[in-house]
Amino acid sequence: MEIKQPAELSHVLTMTHRNLLKMWHNPDNVSDVVIQPIIFTLLFGYLFGGAIAGSVQAYLQC
């Protein structure tokens, strides 16, 4: 994505700052944003991947 105007960068930084302030006041959201995607990646990659392909190495193609 190409930023064409400096105003777009300013808008992105403003929204980032506002969202970080919201997370600071409600740290429970950190688990939704950071921890949950990691858990789902591990769950689907290792638990269900072994069931689909027969082994984790065959599914992940390591």
N, C-alpha and C. Protein backbone atom coordinates (compact mmCIF):
# COMPACT_ATOMS: atom_id res chain seq x y z
N MET A 1 0.84 -1.17 0.00
CA MET A 1 0.00 0.00 0.00
C MET A 1 0.89 1.24 0.00
N GLU A 2 0.59 2.12 -0.88
CA GLU A 2 1.41 3.31 -1.02
C GLU A 2 0.71 4.49 -0.35
N ILE A 3 1.44 5.21 0.47
CA ILE A 3 0.89 6.39 1.13
C ILE A 3 1.10 7.57 0.21
N LYS A 4 0.00 8.19 -0.18
CA LYS A 4 0.07 9.26 -1.17
C LYS A 4 0.15 10.64 -0.53
N GLN A 5 -0.46 10.79 0.63
CA GLN A 5 -0.47 12.09 1.28
C GLN A 5 0.01 11.94 2.72
N PRO A 6 0.67 12.95 3.25
CA PRO A 6 1.09 12.89 4.65
C PRO A 6 -0.09 12.80 5.61
N ALA A 7 -1.27 13.25 5.21
CA ALA A 7 -2.44 13.20 6.08
C ALA A 7 -2.82 11.74 6.37
N GLU A 8 -2.63 10.85 5.40
CA GLU A 8 -2.96 9.44 5.62
C GLU A 8 -2.09 8.84 6.71
N LEU A 9 -0.82 9.15 6.70
CA LEU A 9 0.08 8.67 7.73
C LEU A 9 -0.32 9.23 9.09
N SER A 10 -0.71 10.47 9.12
CA SER A 10 -1.16 11.08 10.37
C SER A 10 -2.40 10.39 10.90
N HIS A 11 -3.33 10.02 10.02
CA HIS A 11 -4.55 9.32 10.44
C HIS A 11 -4.21 7.94 11.00
N VAL A 12 -3.30 7.25 10.36
CA VAL A 12 -2.91 5.92 10.82
C VAL A 12 -2.26 6.01 12.20
N LEU A 13 -1.38 6.97 12.38
CA LEU A 13 -0.72 7.12 13.67
C LEU A 13 -1.71 7.52 14.76
N THR A 14 -2.68 8.35 14.42
CA THR A 14 -3.69 8.75 15.39
C THR A 14 -4.54 7.56 15.83
N MET A 15 -4.96 6.75 14.87
CA MET A 15 -5.77 5.58 15.21
C MET A 15 -4.96 4.56 16.01
N THR A 16 -3.69 4.40 15.68
CA THR A 16 -2.83 3.50 16.44
C THR A 16 -2.70 3.98 17.87
N HIS A 17 -2.48 5.26 18.04
CA HIS A 17 -2.35 5.83 19.39
C HIS A 17 -3.64 5.63 20.19
N ARG A 18 -4.77 5.87 19.58
CA ARG A 18 -6.06 5.70 20.29
C ARG A 18 -6.28 4.25 20.69
N ASN A 19 -5.96 3.32 19.81
CA ASN A 19 -6.14 1.91 20.13
C ASN A 19 -5.18 1.45 21.22
N LEU A 20 -3.97 1.97 21.22
CA LEU A 20 -3.02 1.63 22.28
C LEU A 20 -3.48 2.18 23.63
N LEU A 21 -4.08 3.36 23.62
CA LEU A 21 -4.62 3.91 24.86
C LEU A 21 -5.78 3.06 25.38
N LYS A 22 -6.63 2.57 24.49
CA LYS A 22 -7.72 1.70 24.91
C LYS A 22 -7.18 0.41 25.51
N MET A 23 -6.14 -0.15 24.90
CA MET A 23 -5.55 -1.38 25.43
C MET A 23 -4.89 -1.13 26.77
N TRP A 24 -4.35 0.05 26.98
CA TRP A 24 -3.71 0.38 28.25
C TRP A 24 -4.73 0.39 29.38
N HIS A 25 -5.94 0.87 29.08
CA HIS A 25 -6.99 0.94 30.10
C HIS A 25 -7.71 -0.39 30.29
N ASN A 26 -7.62 -1.28 29.33
CA ASN A 26 -8.27 -2.58 29.42
C ASN A 26 -7.29 -3.66 28.95
N PRO A 27 -6.38 -4.10 29.83
CA PRO A 27 -5.34 -5.04 29.40
C PRO A 27 -5.86 -6.44 29.08
N ASP A 28 -7.12 -6.72 29.38
CA ASP A 28 -7.67 -8.02 29.00
C ASP A 28 -7.73 -8.20 27.49
N ASN A 29 -7.79 -7.11 26.76
CA ASN A 29 -7.84 -7.18 25.31
C ASN A 29 -6.53 -7.67 24.70
N VAL A 30 -5.45 -7.60 25.46
CA VAL A 30 -4.16 -8.07 24.95
C VAL A 30 -4.24 -9.56 24.64
N SER A 31 -4.97 -10.30 25.47
CA SER A 31 -5.10 -11.74 25.20
C SER A 31 -5.85 -11.98 23.90
N ASP A 32 -6.83 -11.14 23.59
CA ASP A 32 -7.58 -11.29 22.34
C ASP A 32 -6.71 -11.00 21.13
N VAL A 33 -5.83 -10.05 21.26
CA VAL A 33 -5.05 -9.57 20.12
C VAL A 33 -3.75 -10.36 19.93
N VAL A 34 -3.12 -10.77 21.02
CA VAL A 34 -1.79 -11.38 20.93
C VAL A 34 -1.82 -12.88 21.20
N ILE A 35 -2.39 -13.27 22.32
CA ILE A 35 -2.27 -14.65 22.76
C ILE A 35 -3.19 -15.58 21.97
N GLN A 36 -4.40 -15.17 21.70
CA GLN A 36 -5.37 -16.05 21.02
C GLN A 36 -4.92 -16.46 19.61
N PRO A 37 -4.40 -15.57 18.77
CA PRO A 37 -3.92 -16.03 17.45
C PRO A 37 -2.78 -17.04 17.54
N ILE A 38 -1.92 -16.89 18.53
CA ILE A 38 -0.81 -17.84 18.71
C ILE A 38 -1.37 -19.20 19.10
N ILE A 39 -2.34 -19.22 20.00
CA ILE A 39 -2.93 -20.48 20.43
C ILE A 39 -3.62 -21.17 19.26
N PHE A 40 -4.38 -20.41 18.46
CA PHE A 40 -5.06 -21.01 17.32
C PHE A 40 -4.08 -21.54 16.28
N THR A 41 -2.98 -20.83 16.06
CA THR A 41 -1.97 -21.30 15.11
C THR A 41 -1.38 -22.63 15.56
N LEU A 42 -1.04 -22.70 16.84
CA LEU A 42 -0.50 -23.96 17.37
C LEU A 42 -1.54 -25.07 17.34
N LEU A 43 -2.77 -24.73 17.67
CA LEU A 43 -3.84 -25.72 17.70
C LEU A 43 -4.07 -26.32 16.32
N PHE A 44 -4.25 -25.48 15.32
CA PHE A 44 -4.53 -25.98 13.97
C PHE A 44 -3.29 -26.61 13.34
N GLY A 45 -2.12 -26.06 13.61
CA GLY A 45 -0.91 -26.59 12.98
C GLY A 45 -0.49 -27.94 13.51
N TYR A 46 -0.55 -28.10 14.82
CA TYR A 46 -0.01 -29.32 15.41
C TYR A 46 -1.07 -30.35 15.78
N LEU A 47 -2.20 -29.92 16.30
CA LEU A 47 -3.22 -30.88 16.70
C LEU A 47 -4.00 -31.39 15.49
N PHE A 48 -4.61 -30.48 14.75
CA PHE A 48 -5.43 -30.88 13.61
C PHE A 48 -4.58 -31.23 12.39
N GLY A 49 -3.39 -30.65 12.28
CA GLY A 49 -2.52 -30.96 11.15
C GLY A 49 -2.08 -32.40 11.15
N GLY A 50 -1.81 -32.94 12.31
CA GLY A 50 -1.43 -34.34 12.41
C GLY A 50 -2.58 -35.27 12.05
N ALA A 51 -3.80 -34.84 12.36
CA ALA A 51 -4.96 -35.67 12.04
C ALA A 51 -5.26 -35.65 10.54
N ILE A 52 -4.97 -34.56 9.87
CA ILE A 52 -5.28 -34.44 8.44
C ILE A 52 -4.27 -35.20 7.59
N ALA A 53 -3.00 -34.97 7.82
CA ALA A 53 -1.97 -35.53 6.95
C ALA A 53 -1.34 -36.79 7.52
N GLY A 54 -1.65 -37.15 8.74
CA GLY A 54 -1.06 -38.33 9.34
C GLY A 54 0.12 -38.02 10.22
N SER A 55 0.83 -36.93 9.94
CA SER A 55 1.94 -36.51 10.78
C SER A 55 2.09 -34.99 10.66
N VAL A 56 2.69 -34.41 11.67
CA VAL A 56 2.87 -32.95 11.67
C VAL A 56 3.84 -32.53 10.57
N GLN A 57 4.89 -33.30 10.34
CA GLN A 57 5.88 -32.94 9.32
C GLN A 57 5.28 -32.96 7.92
N ALA A 58 4.40 -33.91 7.64
CA ALA A 58 3.78 -33.97 6.33
C ALA A 58 2.84 -32.81 6.10
N TYR A 59 2.18 -32.38 7.17
CA TYR A 59 1.22 -31.28 7.04
C TYR A 59 1.93 -29.94 6.92
N LEU A 60 2.95 -29.70 7.75
CA LEU A 60 3.64 -28.42 7.74
C LEU A 60 4.73 -28.33 6.68
N GLN A 61 5.12 -29.42 6.11
CA GLN A 61 6.16 -29.48 5.09
C GLN A 61 7.45 -28.81 5.55
N CYS A 62 7.92 -29.22 6.71
CA CYS A 62 9.15 -28.65 7.31
C CYS A 62 10.38 -29.09 6.57
